[in-house]
Amino acid sequence: MGTGIDLNCDVGEGVGNESLLFRHISSCNIATGGHAGDARSMREIALLAAKHKIRIGAHPSYPDREHFGRVTRVMEKREFQSSIEIQINGLFDILESHKLSMHHIKAHGALYNDLAPGGRLALEYLEVLEPFRDMSILYAPCGSEFARVAAECGFHLWEEGFADRAYRPGGSLVSRTESGAVLTDPATVAKQVLEMVLRNRVKCSDGSYYTMTPRTLCVHGDNPKANTILEYLTECLSEAAIPLEK
């Protein structure tokens, strides 16, 4: 796990809390226009991230602003790949114009979940990401088939755990349509994170445990308690002698 743990947040999604979040995290995932964001927001947040010395990543989604990218879309291969390519290149070009680098790529919402089992969609997605394979890290769900396939294709991976989401048996996330899917109590989040980092496991909704070794952990930027959670979590990590990796 290196010298510490990476904390990441999804940003540029219209919440406007980036200046608070950036005090506590080490990586950010900037919405690239699929579910939220545009050229202006990408530029503003990228520059703010650079000011705070935060790693910058692209956060592509199904093109679905109506449902915030949280609904699966069945798309033709060409349409899907074109959308992802436009989104990632949009941020990349902005970063390049300001002499900044794109540290990682992390899919958003339903796309992230749909990639996890691997299969055709995962291969189509990785095909689009091929030009970035040697310059950016891929954030992927811990222990997923997608992570395995991506590694076989030569991508550099940071496997990810979710600090503020409940887990199902087998490592998938509890649907946001279900009660308790999003964790908002800082102590509950910290307990889950320490279990992940110190014991390499997470307690699932049925009481079983799923083994994981996260390299990066996500607190969602649109969580209503995101800033409070991050303040408490970073204190707990410090007390446990787990540094935030910069």
Protein backbone atom coordinates (compact mmCIF):
# COMPACT_ATOMS: atom_id res chain seq x y z
CA MET A 1 0.00 0.00 0.00
CA GLY A 2 3.03 2.25 -0.25
CA THR A 3 3.67 4.77 2.52
CA GLY A 4 0.01 5.53 3.23
CA ILE A 5 -3.53 5.54 1.91
CA ASP A 6 -4.88 7.65 -0.93
CA LEU A 7 -8.20 9.40 -0.24
CA ASN A 8 -10.18 10.45 -3.29
CA CYS A 9 -13.39 12.40 -3.90
CA ASP A 10 -15.67 12.83 -6.90
CA VAL A 11 -15.81 16.55 -7.64
CA GLY A 12 -17.05 19.02 -10.23
CA GLU A 13 -20.57 17.73 -9.84
CA GLY A 14 -22.20 21.03 -8.94
CA VAL A 15 -22.01 20.77 -5.16
CA GLY A 16 -19.39 23.50 -4.88
CA ASN A 17 -17.59 22.12 -1.83
CA GLU A 18 -14.23 21.41 -3.45
CA SER A 19 -12.30 24.04 -1.47
CA LEU A 20 -13.35 22.24 1.73
CA LEU A 21 -12.74 18.71 0.48
CA PHE A 22 -9.30 19.49 -0.91
CA ARG A 23 -8.01 20.21 2.60
CA HIS A 24 -8.33 16.52 3.47
CA ILE A 25 -7.84 14.37 0.35
CA SER A 26 -4.96 13.43 -1.93
CA SER A 27 -6.79 12.67 -5.21
CA CYS A 28 -9.87 13.99 -6.98
CA ASN A 29 -12.03 12.68 -9.80
CA ILE A 30 -13.31 15.53 -11.96
CA ALA A 31 -16.68 15.08 -13.70
CA THR A 32 -16.05 15.25 -17.44
CA GLY A 33 -19.48 16.19 -18.77
CA GLY A 34 -21.22 12.83 -18.97
CA HIS A 35 -23.22 13.10 -15.75
CA ALA A 36 -22.10 16.58 -14.68
CA GLY A 37 -19.53 19.26 -15.42
CA ASP A 38 -18.37 21.18 -18.47
CA ALA A 39 -15.18 22.76 -19.79
CA ARG A 40 -15.45 25.68 -17.39
CA SER A 41 -15.94 23.56 -14.27
CA MET A 42 -13.20 21.15 -15.32
CA ARG A 43 -10.73 24.00 -15.74
CA GLU A 44 -11.67 25.76 -12.48
CA ILE A 45 -11.49 22.62 -10.37
CA ALA A 46 -8.32 21.35 -12.02
CA LEU A 47 -6.58 24.63 -11.17
CA LEU A 48 -7.92 24.52 -7.62
CA ALA A 49 -6.69 20.94 -7.26
CA ALA A 50 -3.27 21.94 -8.54
CA LYS A 51 -3.15 24.78 -6.00
CA HIS A 52 -3.85 22.26 -3.23
CA LYS A 53 -1.40 19.72 -4.73
CA ILE A 54 -4.18 17.20 -5.27
CA ARG A 55 -3.80 14.43 -7.86
CA ILE A 56 -6.21 14.98 -10.75
CA GLY A 57 -8.24 12.24 -12.40
CA ALA A 58 -10.93 11.99 -15.07
CA HIS A 59 -14.38 10.81 -13.97
CA PRO A 60 -16.25 9.71 -17.13
CA SER A 61 -19.81 8.44 -17.06
CA TYR A 62 -22.59 7.22 -19.24
CA PRO A 63 -23.87 10.34 -21.05
CA ASP A 64 -26.79 10.80 -18.68
CA ARG A 65 -27.11 14.15 -16.97
CA GLU A 66 -30.81 13.55 -16.29
CA HIS A 67 -30.10 10.68 -13.88
CA PHE A 68 -26.64 11.88 -12.79
CA GLY A 69 -25.06 8.86 -14.46
CA ARG A 70 -26.60 6.47 -11.94
CA VAL A 71 -28.78 4.53 -14.39
CA THR A 72 -27.42 1.87 -16.74
CA ARG A 73 -27.57 2.80 -20.42
CA VAL A 74 -27.43 0.25 -23.21
CA MET A 75 -25.43 1.86 -25.99
CA GLU A 76 -23.95 0.88 -29.32
CA LYS A 77 -20.20 0.35 -29.11
CA ARG A 78 -19.35 3.33 -31.33
CA GLU A 79 -21.66 5.70 -29.43
CA PHE A 80 -20.37 4.53 -26.06
CA GLN A 81 -16.71 4.75 -26.97
CA SER A 82 -17.13 8.14 -28.63
CA SER A 83 -18.73 9.54 -25.48
CA ILE A 84 -15.96 8.24 -23.20
CA GLU A 85 -13.27 9.45 -25.59
CA ILE A 86 -14.74 12.95 -25.78
CA GLN A 87 -15.06 13.15 -21.99
CA ILE A 88 -11.53 12.03 -21.18
CA ASN A 89 -9.89 14.02 -23.96
CA GLY A 90 -11.81 17.11 -22.85
CA LEU A 91 -10.17 17.05 -19.43
CA PHE A 92 -6.81 15.91 -20.79
CA ASP A 93 -6.64 18.86 -23.19
CA ILE A 94 -7.47 21.31 -20.39
CA LEU A 95 -4.81 19.82 -18.15
CA GLU A 96 -2.22 19.83 -20.92
CA SER A 97 -2.92 23.50 -21.65
CA HIS A 98 -2.04 24.29 -18.02
CA LYS A 99 0.93 21.89 -17.94
CA LEU A 100 -0.86 19.56 -15.53
CA SER A 101 -0.99 15.78 -15.71
CA MET A 102 -3.91 13.37 -15.56
CA HIS A 103 -2.94 11.05 -12.73
CA HIS A 104 -5.84 8.58 -13.05
CA ILE A 105 -9.14 7.64 -14.64
CA LYS A 106 -12.13 6.44 -12.63
CA ALA A 107 -15.55 5.65 -14.06
CA HIS A 108 -18.64 7.10 -12.40
CA GLY A 109 -21.87 5.69 -11.05
CA ALA A 110 -23.68 3.04 -13.04
CA LEU A 111 -20.79 2.74 -15.48
CA TYR A 112 -18.38 1.97 -12.62
CA ASN A 113 -20.71 -0.74 -11.35
CA ASP A 114 -21.38 -2.15 -14.83
CA LEU A 115 -17.65 -2.44 -15.54
CA ALA A 116 -16.95 -4.41 -12.37
CA PRO A 117 -17.99 -7.87 -13.70
CA GLY A 118 -15.76 -7.49 -16.76
CA GLY A 119 -17.13 -8.71 -20.09
CA ARG A 120 -17.78 -6.85 -23.33
CA LEU A 121 -18.40 -3.43 -21.79
CA ALA A 122 -15.13 -3.56 -19.87
CA LEU A 123 -13.18 -4.43 -23.02
CA GLU A 124 -14.84 -1.62 -24.98
CA TYR A 125 -14.01 0.83 -22.19
CA LEU A 126 -10.39 -0.29 -21.93
CA GLU A 127 -10.03 0.01 -25.70
CA VAL A 128 -10.86 3.71 -25.43
CA LEU A 129 -8.41 4.15 -22.54
CA GLU A 130 -5.54 2.51 -24.42
CA PRO A 131 -3.84 5.85 -25.33
CA PHE A 132 -3.66 6.68 -21.61
CA ARG A 133 -2.49 3.25 -20.45
CA ASP A 134 1.10 4.24 -19.81
CA MET A 135 0.46 7.74 -18.48
CA SER A 136 -2.52 7.35 -16.12
CA ILE A 137 -3.54 4.92 -13.39
CA LEU A 138 -6.88 3.15 -13.54
CA TYR A 139 -9.01 3.19 -10.38
CA ALA A 140 -11.02 -0.07 -10.20
CA PRO A 141 -13.18 -1.90 -7.64
CA CYS A 142 -11.18 -4.06 -5.24
CA GLY A 143 -11.01 -7.69 -6.34
CA SER A 144 -13.24 -7.15 -9.37
CA GLU A 145 -13.06 -8.97 -12.66
CA PHE A 146 -12.61 -5.57 -14.27
CA ALA A 147 -9.43 -5.03 -12.26
CA ARG A 148 -8.13 -8.43 -13.32
CA VAL A 149 -8.87 -7.83 -17.01
CA ALA A 150 -7.38 -4.34 -16.92
CA ALA A 151 -4.19 -5.68 -15.34
CA GLU A 152 -3.96 -8.34 -18.04
CA CYS A 153 -4.25 -5.55 -20.63
CA GLY A 154 -1.26 -3.79 -19.10
CA PHE A 155 -2.99 -1.00 -17.18
CA HIS A 156 -1.55 0.29 -13.92
CA LEU A 157 -4.18 -0.15 -11.22
CA TRP A 158 -5.08 1.27 -7.87
CA GLU A 159 -7.83 -0.91 -6.46
CA GLU A 160 -10.49 1.11 -4.67
CA GLY A 161 -12.68 0.75 -1.62
CA PHE A 162 -15.64 2.97 -0.74
CA ALA A 163 -15.48 4.59 2.65
CA ASP A 164 -19.08 5.84 2.66
CA ARG A 165 -20.97 3.05 0.91
CA ALA A 166 -22.43 -0.19 2.28
CA TYR A 167 -21.30 -3.45 0.68
CA ARG A 168 -23.16 -6.55 -0.45
CA PRO A 169 -21.71 -10.05 -0.12
CA GLY A 170 -19.18 -10.55 -2.89
CA GLY A 171 -17.97 -6.98 -2.93
CA SER A 172 -20.65 -5.12 -4.87
CA LEU A 173 -22.27 -1.99 -3.43
CA VAL A 174 -25.71 -1.85 -1.87
CA SER A 175 -28.02 -0.05 -4.32
CA ARG A 176 -28.65 3.60 -3.61
CA THR A 177 -32.36 2.79 -3.79
CA GLU A 178 -32.02 0.84 -0.54
CA SER A 179 -31.93 2.30 2.96
CA GLY A 180 -28.45 2.50 4.44
CA ALA A 181 -26.62 2.37 1.12
CA VAL A 182 -24.83 5.66 1.78
CA LEU A 183 -23.02 6.00 5.11
CA THR A 184 -23.24 9.48 6.61
CA ASP A 185 -22.11 8.91 10.21
CA PRO A 186 -18.40 9.77 10.49
CA ALA A 187 -17.73 7.13 13.15
CA THR A 188 -19.34 4.41 11.03
CA VAL A 189 -17.28 5.45 8.02
CA ALA A 190 -14.06 5.52 10.04
CA LYS A 191 -14.76 2.06 11.48
CA GLN A 192 -15.31 0.66 7.98
CA VAL A 193 -12.15 2.30 6.64
CA LEU A 194 -9.97 1.02 9.48
CA GLU A 195 -11.36 -2.47 8.89
CA MET A 196 -10.42 -2.17 5.22
CA VAL A 197 -6.93 -0.76 5.78
CA LEU A 198 -5.83 -2.67 8.89
CA ARG A 199 -7.62 -5.99 8.37
CA ASN A 200 -8.07 -6.01 4.59
CA ARG A 201 -11.77 -6.72 4.71
CA VAL A 202 -15.17 -5.03 4.80
CA LYS A 203 -18.29 -6.14 6.63
CA CYS A 204 -21.15 -6.79 4.19
CA SER A 205 -24.88 -6.27 4.61
CA ASP A 206 -25.46 -9.91 5.62
CA GLY A 207 -22.72 -9.88 8.27
CA SER A 208 -20.17 -11.70 6.15
CA TYR A 209 -16.79 -10.22 5.22
CA TYR A 210 -15.35 -9.47 1.80
CA THR A 211 -11.58 -9.52 1.49
CA MET A 212 -10.02 -6.42 -0.04
CA THR A 213 -6.72 -4.57 -0.12
CA PRO A 214 -7.56 -1.01 -1.21
CA ARG A 215 -4.88 1.28 -2.57
CA THR A 216 -7.30 4.22 -2.64
CA LEU A 217 -10.50 5.01 -0.74
CA CYS A 218 -13.41 7.14 -1.92
CA VAL A 219 -15.63 9.51 0.03
CA HIS A 220 -18.30 10.83 -2.32
CA GLY A 221 -18.16 14.59 -2.78
CA ASP A 222 -21.96 14.78 -2.91
CA ASN A 223 -22.37 12.97 0.41
CA PRO A 224 -24.19 15.55 2.59
CA LYS A 225 -21.64 14.92 5.36
CA ALA A 226 -18.57 14.66 3.12
CA ASN A 227 -16.50 17.36 4.77
CA THR A 228 -17.38 16.27 8.32
CA ILE A 229 -16.60 12.65 7.41
CA LEU A 230 -13.23 13.58 5.95
CA GLU A 231 -12.26 15.68 8.97
CA TYR A 232 -13.08 12.83 11.34
CA LEU A 233 -11.59 10.16 9.09
CA THR A 234 -8.24 11.86 8.65
CA GLU A 235 -7.99 12.27 12.42
CA CYS A 236 -8.71 8.56 12.92
CA LEU A 237 -6.17 7.56 10.28
CA SER A 238 -3.56 9.76 11.93
CA GLU A 239 -4.26 8.23 15.34
CA ALA A 240 -3.85 4.76 13.79
CA ALA A 241 -0.50 5.86 12.29
CA ILE A 242 -1.82 5.54 8.74
CA PRO A 243 -0.57 8.56 6.79
CA LEU A 244 -2.43 10.15 3.91
CA GLU A 245 -0.32 9.53 0.86
CA LYS A 246 0.52 12.71 -0.99
